[in-house]
Each structure stands twice: as C-alpha cells, then as structure tokens.
Amino acid sequence: MPIKNGALLALVVSFSTSATTLMQNMPAITLQNMAGQEDGTLLKTVPLSAQAARVLNETQLSIATDAGMWDSSRSIFKTTVPGIGFSLCDNDNNRCISSLSDWIPGESLSLRLYKIGNLHGGRYAIPSLSIYGKTHPLLRINPPALIVNTTLCGVTTQRIKVTFPSFTLNKNGENLPSVGFKIPVICLNPDDYGKVDLQFTYHGDLIDSNTLPTQLGNIGIQIEDDHNMPVVFNTVLSQSSPSFTYRARLITVPGETAHYGRFSADATVLITLR
C-alpha cells in the first residue's frame, strides 16, 4: 500500500510540472495617434522579462492567436483593437515568431505595437496569446491595456532642410538669394487647419527678433510669411500662413565685416492646436 501511494504522488508531481506555463502580465500603456502616420508605423516596443526569455527554450516556436496576419514579411498580426497590430520578435527585431519559427533558446523578446489602420481614441484590451513549443505552451502573454490618444494635427516629417545656392556678395549687399519651403502640417479634420498655431524658436542669441545668426558674422537669415513679412522668433505667430508656406531669406548685417565660406543655422517650429 505505501508503494502505491508513492507511485500516485509521483504521477501527480510529474503532471503538475509539465503543465506549468509562465504567465507574463504587461502594464497599461498610452499610444499617441498622430495625423499623417502611415500604416506599418511602429508605435511602441515593450520588452518582455528575462524570465520569459528563459522559458522559451526550444528551437521552434509558434504563436497561438485568433488574430490573422497583417504583414507576413514583418510577422505583424492583427488585433481586436481597431488599427493596432503586434509582433513578437527579438530585441533587435531580426528574428520573429509566427508559426514554427526558428528560435535561439533563451533569446530576449519584445512585443511591438504597430499602426495598421485608422486609430480611434479610447481604452482597449488585447486578448491574451500563447507561445508554443513543439508540444505545449511555454509562455502566456497578457498584452498591455491600451489608452489611445488621437492628435488631430501633426507633421509628416521631423526635419526640413533648406539649401541656399552659392552667391557672390556685392558692395550693396543686395539681391541675396531666398528659398521657399513648406511646413508639412496635416490634419484629420480639414476645419482644423485654421486652428493651427506656429512658433519659430531659436535657442541662442538672435541678431534681432527677426534674424537668425550664421557662422558668417555679416550674414543673417530671416523667415518671411506669404505676405513677405518677417516672422518674430520665439513668439507664437498671430496669424499663421494658411498654406504653411514660408521663405528663408538671406540678409546682410550692418556694421559687420564681410566674410566668405559655408554657413548654416538651425531653428525649431513648434506646432499647437487651438
């Protein structure tokens, strides 16, 4: 009788160990939906724990999820959240898990969230998913609860480069070149374009409130609106150009010695919605 009890106990312990699946819970996160973001844009990367990496100790892994695939080349799956997709890849985003995917045991893992369609503001929950080895689940993931904020207006590029042509400075300092450029503002609602405020800022000493310095002491840069009026730096424009089109114009600085050479200047445009 004692032997039978011992055998029964051994079976129970063995079964309990093999059925254990690590649960990975993830904290809630906030996603910012910017106007102009293309589908496929990476919104957030959330690394999984080192313990999660250790349990992925097989050379082939698969994801068990009811969601379909959105982009097989990047292993991005759909979710039940409108406009949100996810992938599970190593921290360098070189090796991803989908179905019977080759894996290096113990490799670190990150959950990546992508924009895959129109996003809507609100609070959402992504259903849990499991990562399987050849025969059983190794890891169960409870993705983070999502708070999606929708920004009505944004810009389609983070840097605008304005290049002046070569020029010769005459005695009067006249006929210096100017170059037009556009602030690439895009709004989800066309009526919001009229509510956009712009502010050109410069972190340094200006020649005057309208003029940026350059490396050549006798050359400055002004930015003019579509009424040919120079903007005032570090001040919200009382009336932004409705087309967001501006012109960078070179000027000579009175009283400075003429120099020649290359020059550049950097300014920042702050965009706010009234």
Protein backbone atom coordinates (compact mmCIF):
# COMPACT_ATOMS: atom_id res chain seq x y z
CA MET A 1 0.00 0.00 0.00
CA PRO A 2 2.75 2.58 0.79
CA ILE A 3 4.31 1.83 -2.60
CA LYS A 4 1.04 2.56 -4.39
CA ASN A 5 0.67 5.88 -2.55
CA GLY A 6 4.23 6.79 -3.53
CA ALA A 7 3.56 5.97 -7.18
CA LEU A 8 0.40 8.06 -7.19
CA LEU A 9 2.23 11.01 -5.64
CA ALA A 10 4.99 10.80 -8.24
CA LEU A 11 2.45 10.90 -11.08
CA VAL A 12 0.74 13.96 -9.65
CA VAL A 13 4.02 15.88 -9.26
CA SER A 14 5.15 14.99 -12.77
CA PHE A 15 1.88 16.15 -14.33
CA SER A 16 1.89 19.45 -12.44
CA THR A 17 5.41 20.32 -13.58
CA SER A 18 4.84 19.67 -17.29
CA ALA A 19 1.61 21.67 -17.37
CA THR A 20 3.12 24.82 -15.85
CA THR A 21 3.09 27.75 -18.26
CA LEU A 22 4.67 31.06 -17.31
CA MET A 23 2.25 34.00 -17.33
CA GLN A 24 3.65 37.36 -18.48
CA ASN A 25 1.50 40.35 -17.48
CA MET A 26 2.26 43.74 -19.01
CA PRO A 27 1.41 47.18 -17.58
CA ALA A 28 -1.01 49.54 -19.34
CA ILE A 29 0.50 51.93 -21.90
CA THR A 30 -0.63 55.05 -23.77
CA LEU A 31 -0.30 55.34 -27.54
CA GLN A 32 -0.33 58.66 -29.38
CA ASN A 33 -2.06 58.70 -32.76
CA MET A 34 -0.51 61.46 -34.87
CA ALA A 35 -2.10 62.67 -38.07
CA GLY A 36 -0.08 61.60 -41.09
CA GLN A 37 1.33 58.39 -39.62
CA GLU A 38 1.49 55.69 -42.28
CA ASP A 39 0.21 52.16 -41.79
CA GLY A 40 3.05 49.98 -40.57
CA THR A 41 4.47 52.69 -38.29
CA LEU A 42 5.96 51.33 -35.06
CA LEU A 43 4.08 52.85 -32.12
CA LYS A 44 5.62 51.14 -29.09
CA THR A 45 8.18 48.49 -28.15
CA VAL A 46 7.66 46.64 -24.85
CA PRO A 47 10.46 44.21 -23.80
CA LEU A 48 9.39 41.02 -22.04
CA SER A 49 11.04 39.88 -18.83
CA ALA A 50 14.26 37.88 -18.62
CA GLN A 51 12.24 35.07 -17.04
CA ALA A 52 10.02 34.96 -20.14
CA ALA A 53 13.12 34.64 -22.32
CA ARG A 54 14.40 31.70 -20.27
CA VAL A 55 11.24 29.62 -20.68
CA LEU A 56 11.42 29.94 -24.48
CA ASN A 57 13.97 27.15 -24.51
CA GLU A 58 13.08 25.39 -27.76
CA THR A 59 14.40 25.91 -31.27
CA GLN A 60 10.97 26.23 -32.93
CA LEU A 61 8.16 28.40 -31.59
CA SER A 62 4.65 29.31 -32.70
CA ILE A 63 2.09 31.93 -31.67
CA ALA A 64 -1.41 30.79 -30.80
CA THR A 65 -3.83 33.64 -31.52
CA ASP A 66 -7.20 34.06 -33.20
CA ALA A 67 -5.91 37.17 -34.98
CA GLY A 68 -4.96 36.93 -38.64
CA MET A 69 -1.67 38.04 -40.16
CA TRP A 70 -1.42 41.65 -41.39
CA ASP A 71 2.12 41.63 -42.84
CA SER A 72 3.82 38.25 -43.12
CA SER A 73 7.16 39.78 -44.15
CA ARG A 74 7.37 41.53 -40.75
CA SER A 75 5.34 38.92 -38.78
CA ILE A 76 2.78 41.56 -37.79
CA PHE A 77 -0.54 40.15 -36.60
CA LYS A 78 -3.88 41.92 -36.40
CA THR A 79 -5.60 42.50 -33.05
CA THR A 80 -9.15 43.18 -31.95
CA VAL A 81 -8.21 46.84 -31.38
CA PRO A 82 -9.03 49.00 -34.45
CA GLY A 83 -5.85 49.97 -36.29
CA ILE A 84 -3.44 48.14 -33.96
CA GLY A 85 -1.20 45.21 -34.88
CA PHE A 86 1.56 43.42 -32.99
CA SER A 87 4.66 41.35 -33.49
CA LEU A 88 6.80 39.25 -31.14
CA CYS A 89 10.45 39.47 -32.13
CA ASP A 90 13.86 39.51 -30.51
CA ASN A 91 15.08 42.84 -29.13
CA ASP A 92 16.95 43.62 -32.35
CA ASN A 93 13.83 42.87 -34.43
CA ASN A 94 15.76 40.37 -36.54
CA ARG A 95 14.05 37.11 -35.51
CA CYS A 96 10.26 36.97 -35.13
CA ILE A 97 7.76 34.33 -34.03
CA SER A 98 4.79 33.30 -36.15
CA SER A 99 4.27 29.62 -36.99
CA LEU A 100 7.05 27.04 -36.45
CA SER A 101 9.58 29.86 -36.42
CA ASP A 102 13.24 29.12 -35.84
CA TRP A 103 14.36 30.44 -32.47
CA ILE A 104 17.50 30.64 -30.36
CA PRO A 105 16.64 29.27 -26.89
CA GLY A 106 16.81 31.97 -24.24
CA GLU A 107 16.82 34.86 -26.73
CA SER A 108 15.29 38.10 -25.46
CA LEU A 109 11.82 39.01 -26.73
CA SER A 110 9.84 42.22 -27.26
CA LEU A 111 6.21 42.95 -28.05
CA ARG A 112 5.91 45.62 -30.75
CA LEU A 113 2.71 47.50 -31.48
CA TYR A 114 2.07 48.96 -34.94
CA LYS A 115 -0.41 51.23 -36.63
CA ILE A 116 -2.16 49.07 -39.27
CA GLY A 117 -5.25 51.18 -39.97
CA ASN A 118 -7.35 54.04 -38.66
CA LEU A 119 -6.92 54.54 -34.93
CA HIS A 120 -9.72 55.70 -32.67
CA GLY A 121 -9.24 57.25 -29.26
CA GLY A 122 -10.30 55.16 -26.28
CA ARG A 123 -9.34 52.39 -23.88
CA TYR A 124 -8.80 48.88 -25.22
CA ALA A 125 -7.73 45.40 -24.15
CA ILE A 126 -5.86 43.00 -26.42
CA PRO A 127 -6.78 39.33 -25.79
CA SER A 128 -4.08 37.14 -24.29
CA LEU A 129 -1.94 34.95 -26.53
CA SER A 130 0.35 31.97 -26.07
CA ILE A 131 3.73 30.94 -27.43
CA TYR A 132 4.04 27.21 -28.04
CA GLY A 133 6.96 24.91 -28.36
CA LYS A 134 6.58 21.67 -30.30
CA THR A 135 4.04 20.10 -27.95
CA HIS A 136 2.81 22.54 -25.30
CA PRO A 137 2.58 26.25 -24.40
CA LEU A 138 5.73 27.76 -22.92
CA LEU A 139 4.56 31.30 -22.30
CA ARG A 140 1.20 33.03 -21.97
CA ILE A 141 1.19 36.78 -22.53
CA ASN A 142 -1.41 39.24 -21.31
CA PRO A 143 -0.70 42.25 -23.56
CA PRO A 144 -0.91 45.72 -22.02
CA ALA A 145 -4.21 47.56 -21.75
CA LEU A 146 -4.10 50.39 -24.28
CA ILE A 147 -5.10 54.02 -24.00
CA VAL A 148 -5.15 55.58 -27.49
CA ASN A 149 -4.96 59.36 -27.70
CA THR A 150 -5.78 60.95 -31.04
CA THR A 151 -3.94 64.10 -32.07
CA LEU A 152 -5.91 65.98 -34.70
CA CYS A 153 -2.93 67.57 -36.45
CA GLY A 154 0.69 66.66 -36.94
CA VAL A 155 3.62 66.92 -39.34
CA THR A 156 4.77 64.38 -41.89
CA THR A 157 8.49 64.96 -41.35
CA GLN A 158 10.63 65.81 -38.35
CA ARG A 159 13.26 67.87 -40.20
CA ILE A 160 13.08 70.37 -43.05
CA LYS A 161 16.30 71.19 -44.89
CA VAL A 162 16.51 74.50 -46.74
CA THR A 163 19.55 74.80 -49.03
CA PHE A 164 20.71 78.15 -50.38
CA PRO A 165 22.56 78.35 -53.70
CA SER A 166 26.09 79.76 -53.90
CA PHE A 167 26.19 83.53 -54.27
CA THR A 168 28.54 86.50 -54.55
CA LEU A 169 28.12 89.34 -52.11
CA ASN A 170 28.15 92.74 -53.82
CA LYS A 171 29.00 96.04 -52.18
CA ASN A 172 25.41 96.97 -51.52
CA GLY A 173 24.53 93.55 -50.10
CA GLU A 174 21.53 93.33 -52.39
CA ASN A 175 19.99 90.52 -54.41
CA LEU A 176 20.82 87.82 -51.88
CA PRO A 177 19.09 84.50 -52.53
CA SER A 178 15.94 83.28 -50.82
CA VAL A 179 14.42 79.80 -50.78
CA GLY A 180 10.78 78.85 -50.22
CA PHE A 181 9.72 75.93 -48.04
CA LYS A 182 6.54 74.47 -46.58
CA ILE A 183 5.75 73.21 -43.08
CA PRO A 184 4.21 69.76 -43.81
CA VAL A 185 1.19 70.07 -41.49
CA ILE A 186 -1.62 67.54 -41.93
CA CYS A 187 -4.92 67.50 -40.02
CA LEU A 188 -7.52 64.74 -39.81
CA ASN A 189 -10.29 67.35 -39.93
CA PRO A 190 -9.91 69.98 -42.72
CA ASP A 191 -11.55 72.60 -40.49
CA ASP A 192 -8.66 72.30 -38.02
CA TYR A 193 -6.06 73.82 -40.37
CA GLY A 194 -7.26 77.26 -39.36
CA LYS A 195 -6.70 76.43 -35.68
CA VAL A 196 -3.01 75.63 -36.01
CA ASP A 197 -0.52 77.99 -34.32
CA LEU A 198 3.15 78.03 -35.31
CA GLN A 199 6.12 79.32 -33.40
CA PHE A 200 9.64 79.50 -34.84
CA THR A 201 12.09 79.16 -31.97
CA TYR A 202 15.86 79.58 -31.73
CA HIS A 203 17.94 78.51 -28.73
CA GLY A 204 20.68 81.12 -28.78
CA ASP A 205 21.32 84.82 -29.29
CA LEU A 206 19.41 86.32 -32.19
CA ILE A 207 20.74 89.28 -34.19
CA ASP A 208 17.32 90.82 -33.62
CA SER A 209 13.85 89.37 -33.05
CA ASN A 210 13.50 88.58 -36.78
CA THR A 211 17.02 87.42 -37.70
CA LEU A 212 18.98 84.22 -37.14
CA PRO A 213 22.78 84.43 -36.91
CA THR A 214 25.10 82.32 -39.07
CA GLN A 215 28.79 81.40 -38.85
CA LEU A 216 29.47 84.40 -41.13
CA GLY A 217 29.01 87.45 -38.93
CA ASN A 218 27.78 89.64 -41.79
CA ILE A 219 25.08 87.22 -42.99
CA GLY A 220 21.79 86.56 -41.23
CA ILE A 221 18.64 84.62 -42.10
CA GLN A 222 15.06 85.84 -41.89
CA ILE A 223 11.91 83.79 -42.47
CA GLU A 224 9.07 85.54 -44.25
CA ASP A 225 5.40 84.57 -44.38
CA ASP A 226 3.28 84.62 -47.53
CA HIS A 227 2.76 88.39 -47.04
CA ASN A 228 6.54 88.95 -47.21
CA MET A 229 6.60 89.87 -43.54
CA PRO A 230 9.47 88.51 -41.40
CA VAL A 231 8.32 86.23 -38.58
CA VAL A 232 9.23 87.04 -34.99
CA PHE A 233 11.23 84.23 -33.42
CA ASN A 234 10.23 82.72 -30.05
CA THR A 235 6.73 84.19 -30.37
CA VAL A 236 3.52 82.45 -31.40
CA LEU A 237 2.54 83.80 -34.80
CA SER A 238 -0.62 85.86 -34.52
CA GLN A 239 -1.71 84.58 -37.92
CA SER A 240 -0.02 81.53 -39.41
CA SER A 241 0.29 81.23 -43.16
CA PRO A 242 -2.87 79.37 -44.25
CA SER A 243 -0.77 77.39 -46.73
CA PHE A 244 2.08 76.88 -44.20
CA THR A 245 4.40 78.21 -46.90
CA TYR A 246 7.35 80.38 -45.89
CA ARG A 247 10.53 81.78 -47.41
CA ALA A 248 14.01 81.81 -45.88
CA ARG A 249 15.84 84.96 -46.98
CA LEU A 250 19.50 85.95 -46.52
CA ILE A 251 20.27 89.47 -45.36
CA THR A 252 23.45 91.40 -44.65
CA VAL A 253 24.09 92.53 -41.08
CA PRO A 254 25.04 96.22 -40.96
CA GLY A 255 28.43 97.09 -39.50
CA GLU A 256 29.86 93.57 -39.78
CA THR A 257 33.00 92.71 -41.77
CA ALA A 258 32.35 90.71 -44.93
CA HIS A 259 33.35 87.04 -44.82
CA TYR A 260 33.11 84.16 -47.25
CA GLY A 261 32.55 80.45 -46.70
CA ARG A 262 29.84 77.96 -45.83
CA PHE A 263 27.27 78.56 -43.13
CA SER A 264 24.19 77.02 -41.57
CA ALA A 265 21.58 77.70 -38.91
CA ASP A 266 19.02 75.58 -37.05
CA ALA A 267 15.61 76.65 -35.82
CA THR A 268 12.65 74.72 -34.42
CA VAL A 269 8.99 75.01 -35.36
CA LEU A 270 6.51 74.38 -32.54
CA ILE A 271 3.01 73.43 -33.71
CA THR A 272 -0.01 73.68 -31.42
CA LEU A 273 -3.75 73.34 -32.00
CA ARG A 274 -6.02 75.99 -30.51
